[in-house]
Protein backbone atom coordinates (compact mmCIF):
# COMPACT_ATOMS: atom_id res chain seq x y z
CA UNK A 1 -26.30 -5.23 -15.26
CA UNK A 2 -26.32 -1.71 -16.73
CA UNK A 3 -25.25 -0.28 -13.39
CA UNK A 4 -22.28 -2.61 -13.29
CA UNK A 5 -21.11 -1.39 -16.71
CA UNK A 6 -21.74 2.21 -15.71
CA UNK A 7 -19.74 1.77 -12.50
CA UNK A 8 -16.91 0.08 -14.42
CA UNK A 9 -16.85 2.90 -16.99
CA UNK A 10 -16.73 5.52 -14.23
CA UNK A 11 -13.81 3.72 -12.56
CA UNK A 12 -11.87 3.54 -15.83
CA UNK A 13 -12.55 7.23 -16.57
CA UNK A 14 -11.60 8.20 -13.03
CA UNK A 15 -8.35 6.28 -13.15
CA UNK A 16 -7.51 7.65 -16.61
CA UNK A 17 -8.29 11.19 -15.47
CA UNK A 18 -6.07 10.76 -12.42
CA UNK A 19 -3.19 9.51 -14.59
CA UNK A 20 -3.55 12.47 -16.96
CA UNK A 21 -3.67 14.89 -14.03
CA UNK A 22 -0.55 13.28 -12.52
CA UNK A 23 1.35 13.48 -15.80
CA UNK A 24 0.63 17.21 -16.22
CA UNK A 25 1.94 18.20 -12.80
CA UNK A 26 5.14 20.28 -12.79
CA UNK A 27 8.39 18.37 -12.14
CA UNK A 28 8.99 20.38 -8.95
CA UNK A 29 5.73 19.07 -7.48
CA UNK A 30 6.53 15.47 -8.42
CA UNK A 31 10.00 15.73 -6.89
CA UNK A 32 8.66 17.35 -3.71
CA UNK A 33 6.11 14.55 -3.34
CA UNK A 34 8.91 11.95 -3.66
CA UNK A 35 10.95 13.73 -0.98
CA UNK A 36 7.90 13.89 1.31
CA UNK A 37 7.19 10.19 0.73
CA UNK A 38 10.81 9.27 1.52
CA UNK A 39 10.75 11.29 4.75
CA UNK A 40 7.49 9.72 5.84
CA UNK A 41 8.66 6.25 4.78
CA UNK A 42 11.87 6.54 6.79
CA UNK A 43 10.01 7.72 9.89
CA UNK A 44 7.54 4.84 9.53
CA UNK A 45 10.32 2.28 8.84
CA UNK A 46 9.12 1.62 5.29
CA UNK A 47 12.02 0.97 2.94
CA UNK A 48 10.47 1.34 -0.53
CA UNK A 49 9.75 5.13 -0.47
CA UNK A 50 13.32 5.75 0.73
CA UNK A 51 14.86 3.70 -2.07
CA UNK A 52 12.50 5.11 -4.71
CA UNK A 53 14.54 8.33 -4.55
CA UNK A 54 17.61 6.59 -5.95
CA UNK A 55 18.36 4.97 -9.29
CA UNK A 56 19.97 1.51 -8.92
CA UNK A 57 23.09 2.99 -10.54
CA UNK A 58 23.26 5.86 -8.03
CA UNK A 59 26.70 6.92 -6.80
CA UNK A 60 27.34 9.37 -3.96
CA UNK A 61 30.52 11.26 -4.77
CA UNK A 62 31.71 12.58 -1.39
CA UNK A 63 31.70 9.26 0.54
CA UNK A 64 31.46 6.75 -2.30
CA UNK A 65 28.11 5.23 -1.31
CA UNK A 66 26.20 3.24 -3.91
CA UNK A 67 22.53 2.35 -4.10
CA UNK A 68 23.32 -1.00 -2.46
CA UNK A 69 25.13 0.74 0.42
CA UNK A 70 22.12 2.98 1.03
CA UNK A 71 19.73 0.03 0.93
CA UNK A 72 21.88 -2.01 3.32
CA UNK A 73 22.32 0.90 5.75
CA UNK A 74 18.65 1.80 5.95
CA UNK A 75 17.56 -1.84 6.20
CA UNK A 76 20.01 -2.50 9.02
CA UNK A 77 18.86 0.61 10.88
CA UNK A 78 15.20 -0.41 10.62
CA UNK A 79 16.00 -3.75 12.25
CA UNK A 80 18.73 -2.73 14.68
CA UNK A 81 17.71 0.74 15.92
CA UNK A 82 14.46 -0.05 17.69
CA UNK A 83 13.36 0.31 21.28
CA UNK A 84 13.51 -3.18 22.81
CA UNK A 85 10.24 -2.68 24.69
CA UNK A 86 8.02 -0.72 22.27
CA UNK A 87 9.71 -1.85 19.02
CA UNK A 88 9.49 1.79 17.88
CA UNK A 89 12.16 2.99 15.43
CA UNK A 90 14.50 5.29 17.36
CA UNK A 91 15.34 7.71 14.52
CA UNK A 92 13.38 10.50 12.86
CA UNK A 93 14.41 12.27 9.72
CA UNK A 94 13.31 15.68 8.48
CA UNK A 95 13.92 17.13 5.03
CA UNK A 96 13.77 20.92 4.77
CA UNK A 97 15.11 23.83 2.70
CA UNK A 98 14.45 22.07 -0.58
CA UNK A 99 15.81 23.75 -3.70
CA UNK A 100 14.58 22.22 -6.94
CA UNK A 101 15.71 23.45 -10.37
CA UNK A 102 13.90 21.24 -12.87
CA UNK A 103 14.34 21.15 -16.60
CA UNK A 104 12.64 18.88 -19.11
CA UNK A 105 13.74 15.50 -17.73
CA UNK A 106 16.58 16.42 -15.35
CA UNK A 107 16.74 18.41 -12.14
CA UNK A 108 19.30 19.77 -9.72
CA UNK A 109 17.97 19.20 -6.20
CA UNK A 110 19.38 20.05 -2.80
CA UNK A 111 17.94 19.91 0.68
CA UNK A 112 18.83 19.88 4.36
CA UNK A 113 18.47 16.63 6.29
CA UNK A 114 18.33 16.36 10.06
CA UNK A 115 18.53 12.94 11.67
CA UNK A 116 17.43 12.75 15.30
CA UNK A 117 17.53 9.86 17.76
CA UNK A 118 15.21 9.26 20.69
CA UNK A 119 17.37 9.30 23.83
CA UNK A 120 15.72 9.45 27.26
CA UNK A 121 12.48 10.74 25.71
CA UNK A 122 14.24 13.57 23.83
CA UNK A 123 14.86 13.74 20.07
CA UNK A 124 18.57 14.62 19.94
CA UNK A 125 20.19 15.77 16.71
CA UNK A 126 22.76 13.19 15.60
CA UNK A 127 23.54 14.30 12.06
CA UNK A 128 22.71 17.32 9.97
CA UNK A 129 23.79 17.47 6.34
CA UNK A 130 23.02 19.07 3.01
CA UNK A 131 22.43 16.68 0.15
CA UNK A 132 22.77 17.92 -3.43
CA UNK A 133 22.29 15.79 -6.48
CA UNK A 134 21.10 15.35 -10.02
CA UNK A 135 17.77 13.68 -10.69
CA UNK A 136 16.44 12.21 -13.89
CA UNK A 137 12.84 11.50 -14.81
CA UNK A 138 12.83 7.75 -15.48
CA UNK A 139 9.97 6.08 -17.31
CA UNK A 140 9.48 3.27 -14.82
CA UNK A 141 10.14 4.92 -11.45
CA UNK A 142 9.69 8.67 -11.97
CA UNK A 143 12.24 11.12 -10.62
CA UNK A 144 15.34 9.47 -9.16
CA UNK A 145 18.79 10.61 -8.08
CA UNK A 146 21.52 9.49 -10.45
CA UNK A 147 24.35 11.03 -8.45
CA UNK A 148 24.80 13.31 -5.48
CA UNK A 149 26.91 14.35 -2.56
CA UNK A 150 26.67 14.87 1.19
CA UNK A 151 28.07 17.89 3.03
CA UNK A 152 27.96 17.30 6.81
CA UNK A 153 26.98 20.39 8.81
CA UNK A 154 26.81 18.91 12.31
CA UNK A 155 27.41 15.56 13.95
CA UNK A 156 28.29 12.43 12.00
CA UNK A 157 26.60 9.51 10.26
CA UNK A 158 25.38 7.41 13.23
CA UNK A 159 23.91 4.45 11.41
């Protein structure tokens, strides 16, 4: 019985220590981890990490997209843009050239996004754009974009 209590105490201490360690990390690291999770989530056709980047009140100023537009577009792509034989998602996204200027609970963030599609066994670039936006550290969901804008560098939004 003592071992059970000891194991339980170690689990509680471990979890508490992890939460303290997470809370003391610099904002730039937390934001970078969210960007990495969104990139990986998109490439694995997992919606939640992609949407976790955006506050439900998000508004994209250059095209007028809202949070709901982003959710609907990504969801549709995950269902529609798959290889009929392998069921593999035909798009891959990469986020590079991140610039993060974080303050206490806000940050200005920009990065380059390249969206590629699998065509005849080649990953062809379909859309390249720079996204720049303002993030806020929310209590419930961590760092999220409140507003932002897209500047297309090459191609066009294919989805």
